[in-house]
Amino acid sequence: MKYNAIAGAAAVLAAGSLFLTPTATHSAGSTTGSAPSVPPVAVGPQYDTTHVYVTPGMASAFVTSWEATFGGTNTTPVLTDVTPTPSKTISELILSPVGTLSVFDFQTPVPYPFGGERGGWLTTNLNTGVSAALASGADVTVTPFDDPIGQDAVIEFPGGVHVQLYWHTTAPHYAPLVTIPENRVYVSTYAVSAFLRSYLTFTHGHVTSDNTHADGTAIGLPNTTYHQIAIDSPFGKTLVIATDGHLPYPFGREVTGYQVASLTDTLAKAGAAGATVLYGPVTANGRDTAIVDFPGGYIAEIHDTTGH
């Protein structure tokens, strides 16, 4: 998101430097079908931020709780405009070992369609990214707009999955993450094929697992099954959850999942820092998992692997 460099989150590379583009992975042929070739535009998962729109006035409480739970640092909050039409938000960046978060405490109403995007992905070139999105079958819901340090746009994959793309004139430089967070994508069973075809093409991702009978306990529906697909790409990890939409609260509200060494220890830290466990912990699909509500209303999935 545009304010990252404004806030001075980390040292930056020289203004004229070029991004190194990661080697693209291959899409799963049987899953994606015939798809156009598009250029890779990802920079790295540490530059892909979850967008956290907190309850007004709760940014400080959220940041304090998050860092007490996971560690990390944050930038100095700044009052800025991060949308193409006039608005004001207090914004800051959290750089934590489990993921990067862009925090927004809006002081004005949030202009449509902002607030519906799950996060921001840094691209090597925004115009190339937008063209690649269109070629992959995604829509562009907010066309590119300038900001003081670069450009932004919002794209929509089939199934209603919105992501913001951004680019900085001066490249930011963040340390690699300790664990890569998951984009948790809920789509309908009718849209999953179209979503995968577009998403895998754009991200240059590949399917690492495809379970048509995943344990529904993981999404609050014990004694049921659903279709779960795991994806790796240069943008990071994605967990696709294809369902009939009959989901209990809060499932579908958590857009990101975070991997930790010990779920038990992390939940204890979160509770001491003012967060609330909404569901779990439970064991399902090879992991211990829980859904946690942090101060300010940010809901996250947290997991570790079982058998440790």
Protein backbone atom coordinates (compact mmCIF):
# COMPACT_ATOMS: atom_id res chain seq x y z
CA MET A 1 0.00 0.00 0.00
CA LYS A 2 1.23 3.50 -0.73
CA TYR A 3 1.90 4.70 2.80
CA ASN A 4 4.51 2.01 3.53
CA ALA A 5 7.41 4.10 2.31
CA ILE A 6 5.90 7.34 3.65
CA ALA A 7 6.00 5.85 7.11
CA GLY A 8 9.66 4.89 6.69
CA ALA A 9 9.20 1.26 7.63
CA ALA A 10 12.66 0.16 6.52
CA ALA A 11 15.66 1.24 4.56
CA VAL A 12 15.00 1.54 0.84
CA LEU A 13 16.98 0.63 -2.22
CA ALA A 14 18.23 3.25 -4.62
CA ALA A 15 15.43 4.96 -6.54
CA GLY A 16 16.59 3.73 -9.90
CA SER A 17 17.13 0.11 -8.88
CA LEU A 18 15.27 -2.74 -10.52
CA PHE A 19 13.40 -5.50 -8.72
CA LEU A 20 14.71 -9.02 -9.08
CA THR A 21 11.81 -11.12 -10.33
CA PRO A 22 11.49 -14.54 -8.67
CA THR A 23 11.47 -17.59 -10.89
CA ALA A 24 7.87 -18.47 -11.68
CA THR A 25 6.43 -21.82 -10.70
CA HIS A 26 4.25 -23.83 -13.03
CA SER A 27 0.48 -23.97 -12.87
CA ALA A 28 -1.15 -27.36 -12.39
CA GLY A 29 -2.16 -28.23 -15.91
CA SER A 30 -5.20 -30.35 -15.13
CA THR A 31 -6.54 -27.72 -12.74
CA THR A 32 -5.99 -24.62 -14.83
CA GLY A 33 -6.78 -25.95 -18.29
CA SER A 34 -5.72 -23.82 -21.24
CA ALA A 35 -4.53 -20.44 -19.92
CA PRO A 36 -2.74 -17.49 -21.48
CA SER A 37 0.89 -16.79 -20.68
CA VAL A 38 1.33 -13.66 -18.57
CA PRO A 39 4.54 -12.10 -17.21
CA PRO A 40 5.41 -12.67 -13.54
CA VAL A 41 5.11 -9.48 -11.47
CA ALA A 42 5.55 -10.69 -7.86
CA VAL A 43 8.37 -9.32 -5.70
CA GLY A 44 8.11 -11.49 -2.59
CA PRO A 45 5.68 -12.51 0.17
CA GLN A 46 7.16 -10.11 2.73
CA TYR A 47 5.87 -7.28 0.49
CA ASP A 48 2.33 -8.66 0.33
CA THR A 49 0.43 -7.04 3.18
CA THR A 50 -2.87 -7.97 4.75
CA HIS A 51 -5.08 -4.87 4.89
CA VAL A 52 -6.44 -4.38 8.40
CA TYR A 53 -9.28 -1.84 8.70
CA VAL A 54 -9.61 -1.39 12.45
CA THR A 55 -12.53 0.03 14.39
CA PRO A 56 -11.88 3.80 14.48
CA GLY A 57 -9.61 4.72 17.36
CA MET A 58 -8.34 1.15 17.89
CA ALA A 59 -5.17 1.12 15.81
CA SER A 60 -2.79 1.49 18.75
CA ALA A 61 -4.52 -1.27 20.72
CA PHE A 62 -4.41 -3.58 17.72
CA VAL A 63 -0.73 -2.97 16.99
CA THR A 64 0.22 -3.47 20.65
CA SER A 65 -1.75 -6.73 20.86
CA TRP A 66 -0.37 -8.07 17.58
CA GLU A 67 3.25 -7.39 18.45
CA ALA A 68 2.84 -8.84 21.96
CA THR A 69 1.53 -12.01 20.31
CA PHE A 70 3.90 -12.42 17.36
CA GLY A 71 6.71 -9.90 17.82
CA GLY A 72 7.75 -7.41 15.17
CA THR A 73 7.96 -3.67 14.72
CA ASN A 74 5.71 -0.94 13.37
CA THR A 75 6.16 2.36 11.63
CA THR A 76 5.14 5.72 13.05
CA PRO A 77 1.42 6.31 12.34
CA VAL A 78 0.79 8.92 9.66
CA LEU A 79 -2.38 10.71 8.58
CA THR A 80 -2.68 10.29 4.82
CA ASP A 81 -4.96 9.64 1.85
CA VAL A 82 -4.60 6.11 0.43
CA THR A 83 -7.54 6.22 -2.01
CA PRO A 84 -8.01 7.88 -5.43
CA THR A 85 -10.83 10.05 -4.06
CA PRO A 86 -10.46 12.26 -0.97
CA SER A 87 -10.32 10.41 2.35
CA LYS A 88 -8.19 10.40 5.49
CA THR A 89 -6.79 7.50 7.47
CA ILE A 90 -4.18 7.03 10.13
CA SER A 91 -1.93 4.38 8.61
CA GLU A 92 0.98 2.31 9.79
CA LEU A 93 2.84 -0.81 8.76
CA ILE A 94 3.55 -3.84 10.95
CA LEU A 95 6.58 -5.93 10.04
CA SER A 96 6.19 -9.17 11.99
CA PRO A 97 7.91 -12.55 11.60
CA VAL A 98 4.64 -14.17 10.47
CA GLY A 99 3.49 -11.55 7.98
CA THR A 100 3.30 -7.89 6.99
CA LEU A 101 0.15 -5.90 7.81
CA SER A 102 -1.07 -2.52 6.58
CA VAL A 103 -3.21 -0.98 9.32
CA PHE A 104 -5.87 1.62 8.51
CA ASP A 105 -7.74 3.69 11.10
CA PHE A 106 -10.03 5.75 8.86
CA GLN A 107 -10.99 9.20 10.07
CA THR A 108 -13.49 9.66 7.21
CA PRO A 109 -15.93 7.21 5.61
CA VAL A 110 -14.09 4.62 3.51
CA PRO A 111 -14.66 5.22 -0.24
CA TYR A 112 -16.04 2.25 -2.18
CA PRO A 113 -14.69 -0.33 -2.98
CA PHE A 114 -11.88 0.04 -0.45
CA GLY A 115 -12.17 -2.14 2.61
CA GLY A 116 -13.20 -5.08 0.44
CA GLU A 117 -9.66 -5.89 -0.70
CA ARG A 118 -7.90 -8.54 1.34
CA GLY A 119 -4.44 -7.06 0.96
CA GLY A 120 -1.87 -5.35 -1.20
CA TRP A 121 0.68 -7.09 -3.44
CA LEU A 122 3.84 -5.27 -4.48
CA THR A 123 4.49 -5.62 -8.23
CA THR A 124 7.56 -5.07 -10.35
CA ASN A 125 5.47 -2.82 -12.61
CA LEU A 126 1.88 -1.79 -11.97
CA ASN A 127 0.79 -1.42 -15.60
CA THR A 128 2.24 -4.83 -16.38
CA GLY A 129 0.44 -6.23 -13.35
CA VAL A 130 -2.90 -4.80 -14.46
CA SER A 131 -2.43 -6.15 -17.98
CA ALA A 132 -1.50 -9.55 -16.57
CA ALA A 133 -4.61 -9.55 -14.37
CA LEU A 134 -6.86 -8.81 -17.34
CA ALA A 135 -5.13 -11.45 -19.47
CA SER A 136 -5.63 -14.02 -16.72
CA GLY A 137 -9.37 -13.39 -16.58
CA ALA A 138 -9.47 -11.05 -13.59
CA ASP A 139 -11.26 -7.70 -13.56
CA VAL A 140 -9.82 -4.29 -12.65
CA THR A 141 -12.26 -2.69 -10.20
CA VAL A 142 -10.07 0.36 -9.48
CA THR A 143 -7.89 1.50 -12.36
CA PRO A 144 -4.34 2.68 -11.62
CA PHE A 145 -4.04 5.90 -9.67
CA ASP A 146 -0.99 7.87 -8.61
CA ASP A 147 0.12 8.45 -5.06
CA PRO A 148 3.10 10.43 -3.73
CA ILE A 149 5.48 7.46 -3.97
CA GLY A 150 4.05 5.22 -6.70
CA GLN A 151 0.82 3.77 -8.05
CA ASP A 152 -2.03 1.49 -6.97
CA ALA A 153 -4.92 -0.48 -8.50
CA VAL A 154 -7.46 -3.06 -7.32
CA ILE A 155 -8.20 -6.29 -9.19
CA GLU A 156 -10.93 -8.91 -8.74
CA PHE A 157 -10.48 -12.60 -9.47
CA PRO A 158 -13.46 -14.76 -10.42
CA GLY A 159 -15.39 -15.65 -7.29
CA GLY A 160 -15.24 -12.10 -5.90
CA VAL A 161 -11.68 -12.12 -4.53
CA HIS A 162 -10.26 -8.58 -4.42
CA VAL A 163 -6.56 -7.72 -4.15
CA GLN A 164 -4.81 -4.36 -4.35
CA LEU A 165 -1.69 -4.11 -6.51
CA TYR A 166 0.89 -1.46 -5.75
CA TRP A 167 4.24 -0.19 -6.98
CA HIS A 168 6.77 2.18 -5.41
CA THR A 169 9.02 4.57 -7.30
CA THR A 170 11.75 3.73 -4.77
CA ALA A 171 11.79 0.03 -4.00
CA PRO A 172 11.16 -0.90 -0.35
CA HIS A 173 13.36 -3.50 1.30
CA TYR A 174 11.92 -5.76 4.02
CA ALA A 175 13.57 -8.76 5.64
CA PRO A 176 12.30 -12.21 4.66
CA LEU A 177 9.54 -13.65 6.84
CA VAL A 178 10.11 -16.47 9.33
CA THR A 179 6.89 -18.16 8.20
CA ILE A 180 4.82 -17.33 5.11
CA PRO A 181 1.18 -16.42 5.85
CA GLU A 182 -1.70 -17.94 3.89
CA ASN A 183 -4.24 -16.05 1.89
CA ARG A 184 -7.46 -17.79 3.00
CA VAL A 185 -9.81 -17.59 0.03
CA TYR A 186 -13.44 -18.64 0.38
CA VAL A 187 -15.18 -19.25 -2.95
CA SER A 188 -18.31 -21.05 -4.03
CA THR A 189 -18.14 -24.53 -5.49
CA TYR A 190 -19.46 -23.01 -8.73
CA ALA A 191 -16.66 -20.43 -9.01
CA VAL A 192 -13.68 -22.46 -7.84
CA SER A 193 -12.59 -23.64 -11.30
CA ALA A 194 -12.73 -20.16 -12.82
CA PHE A 195 -10.96 -18.72 -9.79
CA LEU A 196 -8.14 -21.26 -9.96
CA ARG A 197 -7.65 -20.78 -13.69
CA SER A 198 -7.29 -17.01 -13.29
CA TYR A 199 -5.43 -16.99 -9.96
CA LEU A 200 -2.83 -19.60 -10.92
CA THR A 201 -2.19 -17.87 -14.23
CA PHE A 202 -1.70 -14.44 -12.66
CA THR A 203 0.36 -15.57 -9.66
CA HIS A 204 2.38 -18.20 -11.56
CA GLY A 205 1.37 -20.53 -8.77
CA HIS A 206 1.06 -24.28 -8.51
CA VAL A 207 -1.25 -26.53 -6.53
CA THR A 208 0.54 -28.34 -3.70
CA SER A 209 -2.49 -30.26 -2.42
CA ASP A 210 -6.08 -30.79 -3.53
CA ASN A 211 -8.40 -32.40 -0.97
CA THR A 212 -12.01 -32.79 -2.03
CA HIS A 213 -12.93 -34.26 1.38
CA ALA A 214 -11.21 -31.94 3.85
CA ASP A 215 -12.38 -32.18 7.45
CA GLY A 216 -15.09 -29.57 8.05
CA THR A 217 -14.01 -29.24 11.68
CA ALA A 218 -11.42 -26.73 10.42
CA ILE A 219 -14.19 -24.33 9.33
CA GLY A 220 -16.61 -24.88 12.18
CA LEU A 221 -18.54 -27.70 10.50
CA PRO A 222 -17.61 -31.02 12.17
CA ASN A 223 -18.89 -34.21 10.55
CA THR A 224 -18.86 -32.56 7.13
CA THR A 225 -16.33 -32.23 4.33
CA TYR A 226 -15.38 -29.49 1.87
CA HIS A 227 -12.96 -28.89 -1.02
CA GLN A 228 -9.60 -27.45 0.08
CA ILE A 229 -6.78 -26.51 -2.31
CA ALA A 230 -3.32 -25.32 -1.22
CA ILE A 231 -1.28 -23.13 -3.58
CA ASP A 232 2.31 -21.88 -3.55
CA SER A 233 3.40 -18.96 -5.73
CA PRO A 234 5.94 -16.12 -5.78
CA PHE A 235 3.27 -14.09 -3.95
CA GLY A 236 3.26 -16.64 -1.09
CA LYS A 237 0.78 -19.27 0.11
CA THR A 238 -2.94 -19.51 -0.55
CA LEU A 239 -5.54 -21.84 0.95
CA VAL A 240 -8.67 -22.05 -1.20
CA ILE A 241 -11.81 -23.12 0.66
CA ALA A 242 -14.65 -24.02 -1.70
CA THR A 243 -18.00 -24.44 0.06
CA ASP A 244 -21.76 -24.06 -0.30
CA GLY A 245 -21.57 -20.84 1.72
CA HIS A 246 -23.36 -22.29 4.76
CA LEU A 247 -20.64 -21.08 7.11
CA PRO A 248 -20.92 -20.33 10.82
CA TYR A 249 -19.44 -17.12 12.18
CA PRO A 250 -16.59 -16.12 11.98
CA PHE A 251 -15.48 -18.29 9.06
CA GLY A 252 -14.96 -16.36 5.85
CA ARG A 253 -14.12 -13.23 7.87
CA GLU A 254 -10.51 -14.34 8.35
CA VAL A 255 -8.59 -13.49 5.18
CA THR A 256 -5.15 -14.58 6.39
CA GLY A 257 -3.78 -17.56 8.28
CA TYR A 258 -0.55 -17.39 10.30
CA GLN A 259 1.79 -20.29 11.06
CA VAL A 260 3.48 -20.45 14.46
CA ALA A 261 5.75 -22.91 16.25
CA SER A 262 3.24 -23.58 19.03
CA LEU A 263 -0.43 -22.72 18.82
CA THR A 264 -0.88 -23.21 22.56
CA ASP A 265 1.85 -20.72 23.43
CA THR A 266 0.65 -18.21 20.83
CA LEU A 267 -2.95 -18.32 22.04
CA ALA A 268 -1.75 -17.70 25.59
CA LYS A 269 0.16 -14.63 24.43
CA ALA A 270 -2.81 -13.42 22.39
CA GLY A 271 -5.18 -13.77 25.34
CA ALA A 272 -2.83 -11.88 27.62
CA ALA A 273 -2.63 -9.14 24.97
CA GLY A 274 -6.40 -8.60 24.81
CA ALA A 275 -7.33 -10.92 21.92
CA THR A 276 -10.25 -13.35 22.06
CA VAL A 277 -10.37 -16.92 20.74
CA LEU A 278 -13.56 -17.22 18.67
CA TYR A 279 -13.11 -20.87 17.67
CA GLY A 280 -10.82 -23.71 18.63
CA PRO A 281 -8.24 -24.82 19.10
CA VAL A 282 -9.09 -27.91 17.07
CA THR A 283 -7.05 -30.42 15.11
CA ALA A 284 -8.02 -30.95 11.48
CA ASN A 285 -6.35 -31.49 8.10
CA GLY A 286 -2.89 -31.94 9.57
CA ARG A 287 -2.79 -28.85 11.74
CA ASP A 288 -3.87 -27.38 15.05
CA THR A 289 -5.94 -24.29 14.30
CA ALA A 290 -7.89 -21.51 15.99
CA ILE A 291 -9.67 -18.30 14.98
CA VAL A 292 -8.72 -15.22 16.99
CA ASP A 293 -10.27 -11.74 17.19
CA PHE A 294 -7.71 -9.00 17.93
CA PRO A 295 -8.55 -5.57 19.39
CA GLY A 296 -9.95 -3.39 16.63
CA GLY A 297 -11.91 -6.22 15.05
CA TYR A 298 -9.21 -8.00 13.02
CA ILE A 299 -10.01 -11.72 12.78
CA ALA A 300 -7.16 -14.12 11.95
CA GLU A 301 -6.60 -17.84 11.68
CA ILE A 302 -3.55 -19.13 13.57
CA HIS A 303 -2.13 -22.64 13.16
CA ASP A 304 0.76 -24.95 13.78
CA THR A 305 1.43 -28.40 12.38
CA THR A 306 0.33 -31.39 14.43
CA GLY A 307 2.60 -34.05 15.83
CA HIS A 308 5.36 -31.75 17.11
